[in-house]
Protein backbone atom coordinates (compact mmCIF):
# COMPACT_ATOMS: atom_id res chain seq x y z
CA THR A 1 10.45 1.06 -91.29
CA ASN A 2 12.50 2.53 -88.49
CA GLN A 3 9.55 4.84 -87.67
CA ALA A 4 7.13 1.90 -87.54
CA ALA A 5 9.56 -0.03 -85.34
CA LEU A 6 9.90 2.93 -82.93
CA THR A 7 6.08 3.29 -82.79
CA THR A 8 5.66 -0.49 -82.02
CA ILE A 9 8.32 -0.20 -79.33
CA ALA A 10 6.73 2.98 -77.80
CA ASN A 11 3.26 1.25 -77.84
CA SER A 12 4.78 -1.91 -76.18
CA LYS A 13 6.50 0.30 -73.60
CA ALA A 14 3.26 2.08 -72.79
CA VAL A 15 1.38 -1.16 -72.52
CA GLU A 16 4.13 -2.61 -70.23
CA LEU A 17 4.11 0.54 -68.00
CA ALA A 18 0.37 0.32 -67.65
CA ARG A 19 0.68 -3.37 -66.66
CA ILE A 20 3.45 -2.55 -64.12
CA GLU A 21 1.37 0.31 -62.63
CA ALA A 22 -1.75 -1.95 -62.39
CA GLU A 23 0.24 -4.66 -60.75
CA ALA A 24 1.80 -2.17 -58.21
CA LYS A 25 -1.65 -0.83 -57.47
CA ARG A 26 -3.06 -4.36 -56.97
CA GLN A 27 -0.11 -5.26 -54.60
CA ALA A 28 -0.59 -2.00 -52.65
CA GLU A 29 -4.36 -2.75 -52.28
CA GLU A 30 -3.57 -6.30 -51.17
CA ALA A 31 -1.01 -5.02 -48.66
CA ALA A 32 -3.45 -2.49 -47.26
CA ALA A 33 -6.21 -5.11 -47.08
CA GLN A 34 -3.76 -7.54 -45.26
CA LYS A 35 -2.67 -4.71 -42.88
CA GLN A 36 -6.34 -3.88 -42.17
CA ALA A 37 -7.18 -7.57 -41.60
CA GLU A 38 -4.24 -7.89 -39.17
CA ALA A 39 -5.32 -4.70 -37.32
CA ASP A 40 -8.91 -5.96 -37.11
CA ALA A 41 -7.70 -9.39 -35.85
CA LYS A 42 -5.50 -7.64 -33.24
CA LYS A 43 -8.48 -5.52 -32.06
CA ALA A 44 -10.74 -8.52 -31.94
CA ALA A 45 -8.12 -10.56 -29.92
CA GLU A 46 -7.70 -7.58 -27.51
CA LYS A 47 -11.43 -7.15 -27.17
CA ALA A 48 -11.83 -10.96 -26.56
CA GLN A 49 -9.05 -10.79 -23.91
CA GLN A 50 -10.66 -7.78 -22.23
CA GLU A 51 -14.03 -9.57 -22.29
CA GLN A 52 -12.50 -12.73 -20.87
CA THR A 53 -10.80 -10.74 -18.05
CA GLN A 54 -14.07 -8.90 -17.32
CA THR A 55 -15.99 -12.23 -17.33
CA ASN A 56 -13.33 -13.65 -14.88
CA VAL A 57 -13.65 -10.55 -12.69
CA ASN A 58 -17.40 -10.74 -12.80
CA GLN A 59 -17.48 -14.41 -12.03
CA ASN A 60 -15.10 -13.95 -9.22
CA THR A 61 -17.10 -11.04 -7.95
CA SER A 62 -20.32 -12.96 -8.11
CA THR A 63 -18.67 -15.98 -6.41
CA ASN A 64 -17.37 -13.61 -3.71
CA GLN A 65 -20.88 -12.15 -3.20
CA SER A 66 -22.48 -15.60 -3.03
CA VAL A 67 -20.01 -16.96 -0.45
CA SER A 68 -21.53 -17.44 3.02
CA LYS A 69 -19.91 -16.54 6.32
CA PRO A 70 -17.01 -18.94 7.12
CA SER A 71 -17.91 -22.02 9.02
CA THR A 72 -16.53 -22.70 12.44
CA THR A 73 -14.86 -26.02 11.34
CA THR A 74 -11.13 -26.13 11.38
CA PRO A 75 -9.57 -26.42 7.92
CA SER A 76 -7.79 -29.72 7.20
CA THR A 77 -4.61 -27.93 5.96
CA SER A 78 -1.75 -27.17 8.30
CA GLN A 79 -2.18 -23.39 7.68
CA PRO A 80 -4.05 -21.53 10.34
CA ALA A 81 -7.31 -19.86 9.13
CA PRO A 82 -7.19 -16.01 9.03
CA SER A 83 -8.84 -14.31 11.95
CA VAL A 84 -12.08 -12.47 11.00
CA GLU A 85 -13.78 -9.55 12.65
CA GLU A 86 -17.04 -7.95 11.55
CA THR A 87 -17.16 -4.23 10.99
CA PRO A 88 -20.68 -3.36 9.78
CA ASP A 89 -20.30 0.41 10.32
CA LYS A 90 -18.04 0.77 7.24
CA PRO A 91 -20.38 1.23 4.21
CA THR A 92 -17.47 0.81 1.65
CA SER A 93 -16.51 -2.68 2.82
CA THR A 94 -18.23 -6.07 3.12
CA GLY A 95 -17.50 -5.96 6.84
CA LYS A 96 -14.97 -8.84 6.54
CA VAL A 97 -11.50 -8.09 8.02
CA LEU A 98 -8.72 -10.66 7.87
CA TYR A 99 -5.39 -10.41 9.66
CA MET A 100 -2.76 -11.97 7.44
CA GLU A 101 0.92 -12.48 6.99
CA SER A 102 2.24 -10.34 4.13
CA THR A 103 5.28 -10.52 1.89
CA ALA A 104 6.06 -8.60 -1.35
CA TYR A 105 6.97 -9.39 -4.95
CA SER A 106 7.89 -7.34 -8.06
CA TYR A 107 7.66 -8.04 -11.78
CA THR A 108 11.21 -6.61 -11.94
CA GLU A 109 12.51 -9.74 -10.16
CA THR A 110 14.49 -11.95 -12.52
CA GLY A 111 12.34 -14.59 -14.08
CA SER A 112 9.09 -12.84 -13.11
CA SER A 113 6.22 -12.19 -15.52
CA TYR A 114 4.60 -8.85 -16.25
CA TYR A 115 1.16 -10.47 -16.17
CA THR A 116 -1.00 -11.74 -13.29
CA ALA A 117 -3.13 -14.73 -13.01
CA LEU A 118 -6.03 -12.51 -14.23
CA GLY A 119 -3.98 -11.25 -17.12
CA ILE A 120 -3.30 -7.76 -15.80
CA ASP A 121 -0.14 -6.15 -17.01
CA LEU A 122 1.82 -5.08 -13.86
CA ARG A 123 3.70 -2.41 -15.84
CA GLN A 124 0.39 -0.50 -16.29
CA ASN A 125 -1.65 -1.54 -13.22
CA SER A 126 0.76 -2.31 -10.36
CA GLN A 127 -1.65 -1.98 -7.34
CA VAL A 128 -2.17 -5.77 -7.16
CA VAL A 129 -1.89 -8.42 -4.53
CA ALA A 130 -1.36 -12.14 -4.84
CA VAL A 131 -3.69 -14.25 -2.77
CA ASP A 132 -4.75 -17.78 -2.10
CA PRO A 133 -8.07 -17.93 -4.10
CA ASN A 134 -9.59 -20.20 -1.39
CA VAL A 135 -9.18 -17.37 1.13
CA ILE A 136 -9.74 -14.27 -0.98
CA PRO A 137 -11.27 -14.86 -4.43
CA LEU A 138 -9.47 -13.45 -7.50
CA GLY A 139 -11.01 -10.24 -8.64
CA THR A 140 -11.85 -9.00 -5.10
CA LEU A 141 -10.95 -5.45 -4.13
CA VAL A 142 -9.10 -5.25 -0.80
CA GLU A 143 -7.53 -2.65 1.46
CA VAL A 144 -4.16 -3.70 2.82
CA GLU A 145 -2.86 -1.92 5.88
CA GLY A 146 0.30 0.04 4.89
CA TYR A 147 -0.27 -0.65 1.15
CA GLY A 148 -3.59 0.74 0.12
CA ILE A 149 -6.49 -0.50 -2.03
CA ALA A 150 -5.56 -3.26 -4.45
CA LEU A 151 -7.09 -5.91 -6.64
CA ALA A 152 -6.60 -9.56 -5.72
CA ALA A 153 -5.43 -10.57 -9.20
CA ASP A 154 -2.45 -12.87 -8.80
CA THR A 155 -1.52 -16.11 -7.16
CA GLY A 156 1.77 -17.66 -6.15
CA GLY A 157 3.37 -21.00 -5.27
CA ALA A 158 4.08 -19.88 -1.68
CA ILE A 159 0.84 -18.05 -1.22
CA LYS A 160 -1.30 -20.53 0.65
CA GLY A 161 -3.79 -19.96 3.42
CA ASN A 162 -3.60 -16.62 5.26
CA ILE A 163 -0.65 -15.18 3.35
CA LEU A 164 -0.92 -12.12 1.09
CA ASP A 165 1.88 -10.92 -1.39
CA VAL A 166 1.71 -7.21 -2.26
CA HIS A 167 3.13 -6.16 -5.64
CA LEU A 168 5.83 -3.41 -5.45
CA GLY A 169 7.67 -1.60 -8.23
CA SER A 170 11.21 -2.82 -7.39
CA VAL A 171 13.09 -5.57 -5.61
CA GLU A 172 14.50 -3.00 -3.15
CA ALA A 173 10.92 -1.93 -2.25
CA CYS A 174 10.15 -5.69 -1.60
CA ARG A 175 13.20 -5.91 0.77
CA GLN A 176 12.04 -2.86 2.56
CA TRP A 177 8.46 -4.34 2.92
CA GLY A 178 9.89 -7.58 4.28
CA ARG A 179 7.62 -10.16 6.01
CA ARG A 180 4.88 -8.59 8.03
CA PHE A 181 2.51 -10.34 10.48
CA ASN A 182 -1.01 -9.54 11.49
CA VAL A 183 -1.57 -7.14 8.56
CA LYS A 184 -5.12 -5.88 8.44
CA VAL A 185 -6.80 -6.71 5.15
CA THR A 186 -10.33 -5.40 4.61
CA ILE A 187 -12.52 -6.94 1.88
CA LEU A 188 -14.16 -4.06 -0.13
CA ASP A 189 -17.37 -4.08 -2.22
């Protein structure tokens, strides 16, 4: 009888081990499927964000291309309109040059965000300027005298009219930039 009891216990143990192994395998498969679903969802969200950013850039670029030459009427705001000069001999630009006031900002400033109005991460792509979209449409490439080529990808509460805010890597660099007047800004293709 002891032998029969031991055999029954051994069989029960084998059945229980098989059940535990099957349950562990099922849980591992579920965890892997959930992890894959999360990875797929993250990739889809990143792709959607990239497509949205590209759509915004394309819309802004097409809007920029369809804008006619500025009219000679005086704007109703108190900000003076930026001065414009035509330079048709430069094939890499649209020929539009603005002379603007320039200040600087940095994502390292306390309370600042890493992301621009167009969703660009300033930690990865820092060659960005903040503009008034009524003067320079978002998504436009510009060349700023003393700064270089940058993407107009941000806005700011104090950036109204003919003011441009260049992004720099540190608060100290912003202090060194200071406030500049009559900075030449060329609109690029």
